[in-house]
Amino acid sequence: SGLVERYYFRSLYFREPNGILFELATDGPGFEKDEPFETLGEKLSL
């Protein structure tokens, strides 16, 4: 896929020879980039 921006992390996708999809993803920035810890997951984040 090349480098893909997922906002909460960045990713690379490719398939190994048996057809299974692998992703490599960065540890950050993380889910608190657009929501505080106290209310994670409560609203639809885009």
ModelCIF file with pLDDT and N, C-alpha, C, O atoms, coordinates in Angstrom:
data_MODEL
#
_entry.id   MODEL 
#
_entity.id                         1 
_entity.type                       polymer 
_entity.pdbx_number_of_molecules   1 
#
_entity_poly.entity_id                      1 
_entity_poly.type                           'polypeptide(L)' 
_entity_poly.nstd_linkage                   no 
_entity_poly.nstd_monomer                   no 
_entity_poly.pdbx_seq_one_letter_code       SGLVERYYFRSLYFREPNGILFELATDGPGFEKDEPFETLGEKLSL 
_entity_poly.pdbx_seq_one_letter_code_can   SGLVERYYFRSLYFREPNGILFELATDGPGFEKDEPFETLGEKLSL 
_entity_poly.pdbx_strand_id                 A 
#
loop_
_entity_poly_seq.entity_id 
_entity_poly_seq.num 
_entity_poly_seq.mon_id 
_entity_poly_seq.hetero 
1 1  SER n 
1 2  GLY n 
1 3  LEU n 
1 4  VAL n 
1 5  GLU n 
1 6  ARG n 
1 7  TYR n 
1 8  TYR n 
1 9  PHE n 
1 10 ARG n 
1 11 SER n 
1 12 LEU n 
1 13 TYR n 
1 14 PHE n 
1 15 ARG n 
1 16 GLU n 
1 17 PRO n 
1 18 ASN n 
1 19 GLY n 
1 20 ILE n 
1 21 LEU n 
1 22 PHE n 
1 23 GLU n 
1 24 LEU n 
1 25 ALA n 
1 26 THR n 
1 27 ASP n 
1 28 GLY n 
1 29 PRO n 
1 30 GLY n 
1 31 PHE n 
1 32 GLU n 
1 33 LYS n 
1 34 ASP n 
1 35 GLU n 
1 36 PRO n 
1 37 PHE n 
1 38 GLU n 
1 39 THR n 
1 40 LEU n 
1 41 GLY n 
1 42 GLU n 
1 43 LYS n 
1 44 LEU n 
1 45 SER n 
1 46 LEU n 
#
_struct_asym.id          A 
_struct_asym.entity_id   1 
#
loop_
_ma_qa_metric.id 
_ma_qa_metric.mode 
_ma_qa_metric.name 
_ma_qa_metric.software_group_id 
_ma_qa_metric.type 
1 global pLDDT . pLDDT 
2 local  pLDDT . pLDDT 
#
_ma_qa_metric_global.metric_id      1 
_ma_qa_metric_global.metric_value   97.80 
_ma_qa_metric_global.model_id       1 
_ma_qa_metric_global.ordinal_id     1 
#
loop_
_ma_qa_metric_local.label_asym_id 
_ma_qa_metric_local.label_comp_id 
_ma_qa_metric_local.label_seq_id 
_ma_qa_metric_local.metric_id 
_ma_qa_metric_local.metric_value 
_ma_qa_metric_local.model_id 
_ma_qa_metric_local.ordinal_id 
A SER 1  2 98.00 1 1  
A GLY 2  2 98.00 1 2  
A LEU 3  2 98.00 1 3  
A VAL 4  2 98.00 1 4  
A GLU 5  2 98.00 1 5  
A ARG 6  2 98.00 1 6  
A TYR 7  2 98.00 1 7  
A TYR 8  2 98.00 1 8  
A PHE 9  2 98.00 1 9  
A ARG 10 2 98.00 1 10 
A SER 11 2 98.00 1 11 
A LEU 12 2 98.00 1 12 
A TYR 13 2 98.00 1 13 
A PHE 14 2 98.00 1 14 
A ARG 15 2 98.00 1 15 
A GLU 16 2 98.00 1 16 
A PRO 17 2 97.00 1 17 
A ASN 18 2 98.00 1 18 
A GLY 19 2 98.00 1 19 
A ILE 20 2 98.00 1 20 
A LEU 21 2 98.00 1 21 
A PHE 22 2 98.00 1 22 
A GLU 23 2 98.00 1 23 
A LEU 24 2 98.00 1 24 
A ALA 25 2 98.00 1 25 
A THR 26 2 98.00 1 26 
A ASP 27 2 98.00 1 27 
A GLY 28 2 97.00 1 28 
A PRO 29 2 98.00 1 29 
A GLY 30 2 98.00 1 30 
A PHE 31 2 98.00 1 31 
A GLU 32 2 98.00 1 32 
A LYS 33 2 97.00 1 33 
A ASP 34 2 97.00 1 34 
A GLU 35 2 97.00 1 35 
A PRO 36 2 98.00 1 36 
A PHE 37 2 98.00 1 37 
A GLU 38 2 98.00 1 38 
A THR 39 2 97.00 1 39 
A LEU 40 2 98.00 1 40 
A GLY 41 2 98.00 1 41 
A GLU 42 2 96.00 1 42 
A LYS 43 2 97.00 1 43 
A LEU 44 2 98.00 1 44 
A SER 45 2 98.00 1 45 
A LEU 46 2 98.00 1 46 
#
loop_
_atom_site.group_PDB 
_atom_site.id 
_atom_site.type_symbol 
_atom_site.label_atom_id 
_atom_site.label_alt_id 
_atom_site.label_comp_id 
_atom_site.label_asym_id 
_atom_site.label_entity_id 
_atom_site.label_seq_id 
_atom_site.pdbx_PDB_ins_code 
_atom_site.Cartn_x 
_atom_site.Cartn_y 
_atom_site.Cartn_z 
_atom_site.occupancy 
_atom_site.B_iso_or_equiv 
_atom_site.pdbx_formal_charge 
_atom_site.auth_seq_id 
_atom_site.auth_comp_id 
_atom_site.auth_asym_id 
_atom_site.auth_atom_id 
_atom_site.pdbx_PDB_model_num 
ATOM 1   N N  . SER A 1 1  ? 0.798   -1.226  0.000  1.00 98.00 ? 1  SER A N  1 
ATOM 2   C CA . SER A 1 1  ? 0.000   0.000   0.000  1.00 98.00 ? 1  SER A CA 1 
ATOM 3   C C  . SER A 1 1  ? 0.827   1.271   0.000  1.00 98.00 ? 1  SER A C  1 
ATOM 4   O O  . SER A 1 1  ? 0.305   2.349   -0.283 1.00 98.00 ? 1  SER A O  1 
ATOM 5   N N  . GLY A 1 2  ? 2.132   1.158   0.319  1.00 98.00 ? 2  GLY A N  1 
ATOM 6   C CA . GLY A 1 2  ? 2.886   2.350   0.648  1.00 98.00 ? 2  GLY A CA 1 
ATOM 7   C C  . GLY A 1 2  ? 2.433   2.867   2.007  1.00 98.00 ? 2  GLY A C  1 
ATOM 8   O O  . GLY A 1 2  ? 1.610   2.233   2.668  1.00 98.00 ? 2  GLY A O  1 
ATOM 9   N N  . LEU A 1 3  ? 2.957   4.000   2.426  1.00 98.00 ? 3  LEU A N  1 
ATOM 10  C CA . LEU A 1 3  ? 2.587   4.557   3.725  1.00 98.00 ? 3  LEU A CA 1 
ATOM 11  C C  . LEU A 1 3  ? 1.172   5.127   3.671  1.00 98.00 ? 3  LEU A C  1 
ATOM 12  O O  . LEU A 1 3  ? 0.855   5.945   2.806  1.00 98.00 ? 3  LEU A O  1 
ATOM 13  N N  . VAL A 1 4  ? 0.325   4.688   4.603  1.00 98.00 ? 4  VAL A N  1 
ATOM 14  C CA . VAL A 1 4  ? -1.075  5.106   4.652  1.00 98.00 ? 4  VAL A CA 1 
ATOM 15  C C  . VAL A 1 4  ? -1.330  5.876   5.941  1.00 98.00 ? 4  VAL A C  1 
ATOM 16  O O  . VAL A 1 4  ? -0.967  5.418   7.025  1.00 98.00 ? 4  VAL A O  1 
ATOM 17  N N  . GLU A 1 5  ? -1.948  7.035   5.825  1.00 98.00 ? 5  GLU A N  1 
ATOM 18  C CA . GLU A 1 5  ? -2.287  7.863   6.983  1.00 98.00 ? 5  GLU A CA 1 
ATOM 19  C C  . GLU A 1 5  ? -3.601  7.372   7.594  1.00 98.00 ? 5  GLU A C  1 
ATOM 20  O O  . GLU A 1 5  ? -4.641  7.411   6.937  1.00 98.00 ? 5  GLU A O  1 
ATOM 21  N N  . ARG A 1 6  ? -3.562  6.916   8.833  1.00 98.00 ? 6  ARG A N  1 
ATOM 22  C CA . ARG A 1 6  ? -4.767  6.498   9.546  1.00 98.00 ? 6  ARG A CA 1 
ATOM 23  C C  . ARG A 1 6  ? -5.094  7.435   10.704 1.00 98.00 ? 6  ARG A C  1 
ATOM 24  O O  . ARG A 1 6  ? -6.002  7.154   11.487 1.00 98.00 ? 6  ARG A O  1 
ATOM 25  N N  . TYR A 1 7  ? -4.384  8.520   10.821 1.00 98.00 ? 7  TYR A N  1 
ATOM 26  C CA . TYR A 1 7  ? -4.584  9.570   11.828 1.00 98.00 ? 7  TYR A CA 1 
ATOM 27  C C  . TYR A 1 7  ? -4.155  9.141   13.230 1.00 98.00 ? 7  TYR A C  1 
ATOM 28  O O  . TYR A 1 7  ? -3.370  9.840   13.872 1.00 98.00 ? 7  TYR A O  1 
ATOM 29  N N  . TYR A 1 8  ? -4.653  8.010   13.711 1.00 98.00 ? 8  TYR A N  1 
ATOM 30  C CA . TYR A 1 8  ? -4.283  7.525   15.043 1.00 98.00 ? 8  TYR A CA 1 
ATOM 31  C C  . TYR A 1 8  ? -2.965  6.745   15.001 1.00 98.00 ? 8  TYR A C  1 
ATOM 32  O O  . TYR A 1 8  ? -2.322  6.527   16.027 1.00 98.00 ? 8  TYR A O  1 
ATOM 33  N N  . PHE A 1 9  ? -2.583  6.333   13.791 1.00 98.00 ? 9  PHE A N  1 
ATOM 34  C CA . PHE A 1 9  ? -1.289  5.694   13.527 1.00 98.00 ? 9  PHE A CA 1 
ATOM 35  C C  . PHE A 1 9  ? -1.070  5.727   12.019 1.00 98.00 ? 9  PHE A C  1 
ATOM 36  O O  . PHE A 1 9  ? -1.988  6.047   11.264 1.00 98.00 ? 9  PHE A O  1 
ATOM 37  N N  . ARG A 1 10 ? 0.136   5.398   11.581 1.00 98.00 ? 10 ARG A N  1 
ATOM 38  C CA . ARG A 1 10 ? 0.425   5.280   10.151 1.00 98.00 ? 10 ARG A CA 1 
ATOM 39  C C  . ARG A 1 10 ? 0.674   3.815   9.832  1.00 98.00 ? 10 ARG A C  1 
ATOM 40  O O  . ARG A 1 10 ? 1.146   3.063   10.685 1.00 98.00 ? 10 ARG A O  1 
ATOM 41  N N  . SER A 1 11 ? 0.362   3.409   8.617  1.00 98.00 ? 11 SER A N  1 
ATOM 42  C CA . SER A 1 11 ? 0.346   1.988   8.299  1.00 98.00 ? 11 SER A CA 1 
ATOM 43  C C  . SER A 1 11 ? 0.984   1.659   6.958  1.00 98.00 ? 11 SER A C  1 
ATOM 44  O O  . SER A 1 11 ? 1.139   2.510   6.082  1.00 98.00 ? 11 SER A O  1 
ATOM 45  N N  . LEU A 1 12 ? 1.348   0.382   6.839  1.00 98.00 ? 12 LEU A N  1 
ATOM 46  C CA . LEU A 1 12 ? 1.801   -0.230  5.591  1.00 98.00 ? 12 LEU A CA 1 
ATOM 47  C C  . LEU A 1 12 ? 1.111   -1.587  5.508  1.00 98.00 ? 12 LEU A C  1 
ATOM 48  O O  . LEU A 1 12 ? 1.106   -2.338  6.483  1.00 98.00 ? 12 LEU A O  1 
ATOM 49  N N  . TYR A 1 13 ? 0.526   -1.910  4.344  1.00 98.00 ? 13 TYR A N  1 
ATOM 50  C CA . TYR A 1 13 ? -0.176  -3.180  4.171  1.00 98.00 ? 13 TYR A CA 1 
ATOM 51  C C  . TYR A 1 13 ? 0.484   -3.986  3.045  1.00 98.00 ? 13 TYR A C  1 
ATOM 52  O O  . TYR A 1 13 ? 0.887   -3.430  2.023  1.00 98.00 ? 13 TYR A O  1 
ATOM 53  N N  . PHE A 1 14 ? 0.585   -5.298  3.248  1.00 98.00 ? 14 PHE A N  1 
ATOM 54  C CA . PHE A 1 14 ? 1.032   -6.197  2.191  1.00 98.00 ? 14 PHE A CA 1 
ATOM 55  C C  . PHE A 1 14 ? 0.568   -7.615  2.525  1.00 98.00 ? 14 PHE A C  1 
ATOM 56  O O  . PHE A 1 14 ? 0.253   -7.910  3.678  1.00 98.00 ? 14 PHE A O  1 
ATOM 57  N N  . ARG A 1 15 ? 0.525   -8.488  1.525  1.00 98.00 ? 15 ARG A N  1 
ATOM 58  C CA . ARG A 1 15 ? 0.113   -9.880  1.737  1.00 98.00 ? 15 ARG A CA 1 
ATOM 59  C C  . ARG A 1 15 ? 1.316   -10.814 1.648  1.00 98.00 ? 15 ARG A C  1 
ATOM 60  O O  . ARG A 1 15 ? 2.184   -10.670 0.787  1.00 98.00 ? 15 ARG A O  1 
ATOM 61  N N  . GLU A 1 16 ? 1.335   -11.783 2.575  1.00 98.00 ? 16 GLU A N  1 
ATOM 62  C CA . GLU A 1 16 ? 2.368   -12.808 2.494  1.00 98.00 ? 16 GLU A CA 1 
ATOM 63  C C  . GLU A 1 16 ? 1.894   -13.876 1.494  1.00 98.00 ? 16 GLU A C  1 
ATOM 64  O O  . GLU A 1 16 ? 0.740   -13.833 1.070  1.00 98.00 ? 16 GLU A O  1 
ATOM 65  N N  . PRO A 1 17 ? 2.759   -14.836 1.106  1.00 97.00 ? 17 PRO A N  1 
ATOM 66  C CA . PRO A 1 17 ? 2.438   -15.731 -0.019 1.00 97.00 ? 17 PRO A CA 1 
ATOM 67  C C  . PRO A 1 17 ? 1.204   -16.602 0.152  1.00 97.00 ? 17 PRO A C  1 
ATOM 68  O O  . PRO A 1 17 ? 0.637   -17.044 -0.847 1.00 97.00 ? 17 PRO A O  1 
ATOM 69  N N  . ASN A 1 18 ? 0.760   -16.868 1.390  1.00 98.00 ? 18 ASN A N  1 
ATOM 70  C CA . ASN A 1 18 ? -0.466  -17.631 1.592  1.00 98.00 ? 18 ASN A CA 1 
ATOM 71  C C  . ASN A 1 18 ? -1.701  -16.735 1.620  1.00 98.00 ? 18 ASN A C  1 
ATOM 72  O O  . ASN A 1 18 ? -2.794  -17.184 1.967  1.00 98.00 ? 18 ASN A O  1 
ATOM 73  N N  . GLY A 1 19 ? -1.524  -15.472 1.254  1.00 98.00 ? 19 GLY A N  1 
ATOM 74  C CA . GLY A 1 19 ? -2.660  -14.577 1.063  1.00 98.00 ? 19 GLY A CA 1 
ATOM 75  C C  . GLY A 1 19 ? -3.141  -13.841 2.296  1.00 98.00 ? 19 GLY A C  1 
ATOM 76  O O  . GLY A 1 19 ? -4.160  -13.154 2.231  1.00 98.00 ? 19 GLY A O  1 
ATOM 77  N N  . ILE A 1 20 ? -2.439  -13.959 3.428  1.00 98.00 ? 20 ILE A N  1 
ATOM 78  C CA . ILE A 1 20 ? -2.871  -13.296 4.659  1.00 98.00 ? 20 ILE A CA 1 
ATOM 79  C C  . ILE A 1 20 ? -2.377  -11.849 4.657  1.00 98.00 ? 20 ILE A C  1 
ATOM 80  O O  . ILE A 1 20 ? -1.217  -11.573 4.352  1.00 98.00 ? 20 ILE A O  1 
ATOM 81  N N  . LEU A 1 21 ? -3.279  -10.937 5.002  1.00 98.00 ? 21 LEU A N  1 
ATOM 82  C CA . LEU A 1 21 ? -2.958  -9.518  4.986  1.00 98.00 ? 21 LEU A CA 1 
ATOM 83  C C  . LEU A 1 21 ? -2.246  -9.116  6.265  1.00 98.00 ? 21 LEU A C  1 
ATOM 84  O O  . LEU A 1 21 ? -2.777  -9.279  7.364  1.00 98.00 ? 21 LEU A O  1 
ATOM 85  N N  . PHE A 1 22 ? -1.044  -8.591  6.113  1.00 98.00 ? 22 PHE A N  1 
ATOM 86  C CA . PHE A 1 22 ? -0.245  -8.068  7.215  1.00 98.00 ? 22 PHE A CA 1 
ATOM 87  C C  . PHE A 1 22 ? -0.244  -6.541  7.148  1.00 98.00 ? 22 PHE A C  1 
ATOM 88  O O  . PHE A 1 22 ? -0.251  -5.955  6.066  1.00 98.00 ? 22 PHE A O  1 
ATOM 89  N N  . GLU A 1 23 ? -0.235  -5.923  8.298  1.00 98.00 ? 23 GLU A N  1 
ATOM 90  C CA . GLU A 1 23 ? -0.098  -4.473  8.414  1.00 98.00 ? 23 GLU A CA 1 
ATOM 91  C C  . GLU A 1 23 ? 1.051   -4.182  9.368  1.00 98.00 ? 23 GLU A C  1 
ATOM 92  O O  . GLU A 1 23 ? 1.210   -4.876  10.372 1.00 98.00 ? 23 GLU A O  1 
ATOM 93  N N  . LEU A 1 24 ? 1.833   -3.191  9.075  1.00 98.00 ? 24 LEU A N  1 
ATOM 94  C CA . LEU A 1 24 ? 2.799   -2.631  10.022 1.00 98.00 ? 24 LEU A CA 1 
ATOM 95  C C  . LEU A 1 24 ? 2.259   -1.274  10.425 1.00 98.00 ? 24 LEU A C  1 
ATOM 96  O O  . LEU A 1 24 ? 1.921   -0.465  9.561  1.00 98.00 ? 24 LEU A O  1 
ATOM 97  N N  . ALA A 1 25 ? 2.169   -1.005  11.729 1.00 98.00 ? 25 ALA A N  1 
ATOM 98  C CA . ALA A 1 25 ? 1.536   0.228   12.207 1.00 98.00 ? 25 ALA A CA 1 
ATOM 99  C C  . ALA A 1 25 ? 2.378   0.875   13.290 1.00 98.00 ? 25 ALA A C  1 
ATOM 100 O O  . ALA A 1 25 ? 2.978   0.192   14.121 1.00 98.00 ? 25 ALA A O  1 
ATOM 101 N N  . THR A 1 26 ? 2.417   2.196   13.273 1.00 98.00 ? 26 THR A N  1 
ATOM 102 C CA . THR A 1 26 ? 3.201   2.932   14.258 1.00 98.00 ? 26 THR A CA 1 
ATOM 103 C C  . THR A 1 26 ? 2.515   2.934   15.629 1.00 98.00 ? 26 THR A C  1 
ATOM 104 O O  . THR A 1 26 ? 1.292   2.826   15.723 1.00 98.00 ? 26 THR A O  1 
ATOM 105 N N  . ASP A 1 27 ? 3.305   3.056   16.666 1.00 98.00 ? 27 ASP A N  1 
ATOM 106 C CA . ASP A 1 27 ? 2.758   3.088   18.024 1.00 98.00 ? 27 ASP A CA 1 
ATOM 107 C C  . ASP A 1 27 ? 1.911   4.331   18.284 1.00 98.00 ? 27 ASP A C  1 
ATOM 108 O O  . ASP A 1 27 ? 0.990   4.285   19.099 1.00 98.00 ? 27 ASP A O  1 
ATOM 109 N N  . GLY A 1 28 ? 2.202   5.420   17.616 1.00 97.00 ? 28 GLY A N  1 
ATOM 110 C CA . GLY A 1 28 ? 1.469   6.653   17.858 1.00 97.00 ? 28 GLY A CA 1 
ATOM 111 C C  . GLY A 1 28 ? 0.930   7.235   16.558 1.00 97.00 ? 28 GLY A C  1 
ATOM 112 O O  . GLY A 1 28 ? 1.121   6.667   15.482 1.00 97.00 ? 28 GLY A O  1 
ATOM 113 N N  . PRO A 1 29 ? 0.248   8.385   16.672 1.00 98.00 ? 29 PRO A N  1 
ATOM 114 C CA . PRO A 1 29 ? 0.040   9.259   17.843 1.00 98.00 ? 29 PRO A CA 1 
ATOM 115 C C  . PRO A 1 29 ? -0.883  8.718   18.926 1.00 98.00 ? 29 PRO A C  1 
ATOM 116 O O  . PRO A 1 29 ? -0.757  9.127   20.080 1.00 98.00 ? 29 PRO A O  1 
ATOM 117 N N  . GLY A 1 30 ? -1.816  7.804   18.598 1.00 98.00 ? 30 GLY A N  1 
ATOM 118 C CA . GLY A 1 30 ? -2.697  7.258   19.604 1.00 98.00 ? 30 GLY A CA 1 
ATOM 119 C C  . GLY A 1 30 ? -4.092  7.846   19.578 1.00 98.00 ? 30 GLY A C  1 
ATOM 120 O O  . GLY A 1 30 ? -4.371  8.788   18.836 1.00 98.00 ? 30 GLY A O  1 
ATOM 121 N N  . PHE A 1 31 ? -4.966  7.279   20.397 1.00 98.00 ? 31 PHE A N  1 
ATOM 122 C CA . PHE A 1 31 ? -6.387  7.617   20.353 1.00 98.00 ? 31 PHE A CA 1 
ATOM 123 C C  . PHE A 1 31 ? -6.759  8.883   21.115 1.00 98.00 ? 31 PHE A C  1 
ATOM 124 O O  . PHE A 1 31 ? -7.885  9.367   21.000 1.00 98.00 ? 31 PHE A O  1 
ATOM 125 N N  . GLU A 1 32 ? -5.834  9.417   21.883 1.00 98.00 ? 32 GLU A N  1 
ATOM 126 C CA . GLU A 1 32 ? -6.118  10.667  22.592 1.00 98.00 ? 32 GLU A CA 1 
ATOM 127 C C  . GLU A 1 32 ? -5.768  11.890  21.755 1.00 98.00 ? 32 GLU A C  1 
ATOM 128 O O  . GLU A 1 32 ? -5.752  13.015  22.254 1.00 98.00 ? 32 GLU A O  1 
ATOM 129 N N  . LYS A 1 33 ? -5.490  11.657  20.486 1.00 97.00 ? 33 LYS A N  1 
ATOM 130 C CA . LYS A 1 33 ? -5.173  12.785  19.603 1.00 97.00 ? 33 LYS A CA 1 
ATOM 131 C C  . LYS A 1 33 ? -6.382  13.685  19.398 1.00 97.00 ? 33 LYS A C  1 
ATOM 132 O O  . LYS A 1 33 ? -6.235  14.891  19.201 1.00 97.00 ? 33 LYS A O  1 
ATOM 133 N N  . ASP A 1 34 ? -7.600  13.094  19.446 1.00 97.00 ? 34 ASP A N  1 
ATOM 134 C CA . ASP A 1 34 ? -8.787  13.908  19.195 1.00 97.00 ? 34 ASP A CA 1 
ATOM 135 C C  . ASP A 1 34 ? -9.872  13.751  20.274 1.00 97.00 ? 34 ASP A C  1 
ATOM 136 O O  . ASP A 1 34 ? -10.969 14.289  20.129 1.00 97.00 ? 34 ASP A O  1 
ATOM 137 N N  . GLU A 1 35 ? -9.567  13.013  21.355 1.00 97.00 ? 35 GLU A N  1 
ATOM 138 C CA . GLU A 1 35 ? -10.507 12.855  22.463 1.00 97.00 ? 35 GLU A CA 1 
ATOM 139 C C  . GLU A 1 35 ? -9.728  12.755  23.765 1.00 97.00 ? 35 GLU A C  1 
ATOM 140 O O  . GLU A 1 35 ? -8.657  12.149  23.784 1.00 97.00 ? 35 GLU A O  1 
ATOM 141 N N  . PRO A 1 36 ? -10.230 13.331  24.854 1.00 98.00 ? 36 PRO A N  1 
ATOM 142 C CA . PRO A 1 36 ? -9.558  13.169  26.137 1.00 98.00 ? 36 PRO A CA 1 
ATOM 143 C C  . PRO A 1 36 ? -9.736  11.749  26.663 1.00 98.00 ? 36 PRO A C  1 
ATOM 144 O O  . PRO A 1 36 ? -10.691 11.059  26.306 1.00 98.00 ? 36 PRO A O  1 
ATOM 145 N N  . PHE A 1 37 ? -8.815  11.325  27.509 1.00 98.00 ? 37 PHE A N  1 
ATOM 146 C CA . PHE A 1 37 ? -8.834  9.988   28.082 1.00 98.00 ? 37 PHE A CA 1 
ATOM 147 C C  . PHE A 1 37 ? -10.191 9.649   28.704 1.00 98.00 ? 37 PHE A C  1 
ATOM 148 O O  . PHE A 1 37 ? -10.696 8.539   28.541 1.00 98.00 ? 37 PHE A O  1 
ATOM 149 N N  . GLU A 1 38 ? -10.770 10.604  29.410 1.00 98.00 ? 38 GLU A N  1 
ATOM 150 C CA . GLU A 1 38 ? -11.996 10.349  30.169 1.00 98.00 ? 38 GLU A CA 1 
ATOM 151 C C  . GLU A 1 38 ? -13.182 9.971   29.292 1.00 98.00 ? 38 GLU A C  1 
ATOM 152 O O  . GLU A 1 38 ? -14.071 9.246   29.739 1.00 98.00 ? 38 GLU A O  1 
ATOM 153 N N  . THR A 1 39 ? -13.209 10.451  28.052 1.00 97.00 ? 39 THR A N  1 
ATOM 154 C CA . THR A 1 39 ? -14.386 10.230  27.202 1.00 97.00 ? 39 THR A CA 1 
ATOM 155 C C  . THR A 1 39 ? -14.058 9.488   25.911 1.00 97.00 ? 39 THR A C  1 
ATOM 156 O O  . THR A 1 39 ? -14.791 9.604   24.930 1.00 97.00 ? 39 THR A O  1 
ATOM 157 N N  . LEU A 1 40 ? -12.973 8.736   25.900 1.00 98.00 ? 40 LEU A N  1 
ATOM 158 C CA . LEU A 1 40 ? -12.620 7.971   24.706 1.00 98.00 ? 40 LEU A CA 1 
ATOM 159 C C  . LEU A 1 40 ? -13.796 7.096   24.249 1.00 98.00 ? 40 LEU A C  1 
ATOM 160 O O  . LEU A 1 40 ? -14.435 6.428   25.062 1.00 98.00 ? 40 LEU A O  1 
ATOM 161 N N  . GLY A 1 41 ? -14.065 7.110   22.974 1.00 98.00 ? 41 GLY A N  1 
ATOM 162 C CA . GLY A 1 41 ? -15.048 6.222   22.393 1.00 98.00 ? 41 GLY A CA 1 
ATOM 163 C C  . GLY A 1 41 ? -16.499 6.611   22.571 1.00 98.00 ? 41 GLY A C  1 
ATOM 164 O O  . GLY A 1 41 ? -17.387 5.889   22.116 1.00 98.00 ? 41 GLY A O  1 
ATOM 165 N N  . GLU A 1 42 ? -16.764 7.730   23.218 1.00 96.00 ? 42 GLU A N  1 
ATOM 166 C CA . GLU A 1 42 ? -18.156 8.083   23.495 1.00 96.00 ? 42 GLU A CA 1 
ATOM 167 C C  . GLU A 1 42 ? -18.858 8.734   22.306 1.00 96.00 ? 42 GLU A C  1 
ATOM 168 O O  . GLU A 1 42 ? -20.076 8.621   22.169 1.00 96.00 ? 42 GLU A O  1 
ATOM 169 N N  . LYS A 1 43 ? -18.108 9.407   21.456 1.00 97.00 ? 43 LYS A N  1 
ATOM 170 C CA . LYS A 1 43 ? -18.700 10.063  20.290 1.00 97.00 ? 43 LYS A CA 1 
ATOM 171 C C  . LYS A 1 43 ? -18.064 9.516   19.021 1.00 97.00 ? 43 LYS A C  1 
ATOM 172 O O  . LYS A 1 43 ? -16.997 8.904   19.061 1.00 97.00 ? 43 LYS A O  1 
ATOM 173 N N  . LEU A 1 44 ? -18.733 9.745   17.895 1.00 98.00 ? 44 LEU A N  1 
ATOM 174 C CA . LEU A 1 44 ? -18.168 9.334   16.623 1.00 98.00 ? 44 LEU A CA 1 
ATOM 175 C C  . LEU A 1 44 ? -16.991 10.243  16.282 1.00 98.00 ? 44 LEU A C  1 
ATOM 176 O O  . LEU A 1 44 ? -17.158 11.452  16.121 1.00 98.00 ? 44 LEU A O  1 
ATOM 177 N N  . SER A 1 45 ? -15.813 9.659   16.174 1.00 98.00 ? 45 SER A N  1 
ATOM 178 C CA . SER A 1 45 ? -14.601 10.414  15.845 1.00 98.00 ? 45 SER A CA 1 
ATOM 179 C C  . SER A 1 45 ? -14.302 10.268  14.352 1.00 98.00 ? 45 SER A C  1 
ATOM 180 O O  . SER A 1 45 ? -14.346 9.168   13.801 1.00 98.00 ? 45 SER A O  1 
ATOM 181 N N  . LEU A 1 46 ? -14.001 11.379  13.718 1.00 98.00 ? 46 LEU A N  1 
ATOM 182 C CA . LEU A 1 46 ? -13.631 11.372  12.311 1.00 98.00 ? 46 LEU A CA 1 
ATOM 183 C C  . LEU A 1 46 ? -12.322 12.119  12.136 1.00 98.00 ? 46 LEU A C  1 
ATOM 184 O O  . LEU A 1 46 ? -11.822 12.236  11.017 1.00 98.00 ? 46 LEU A O  1 
#
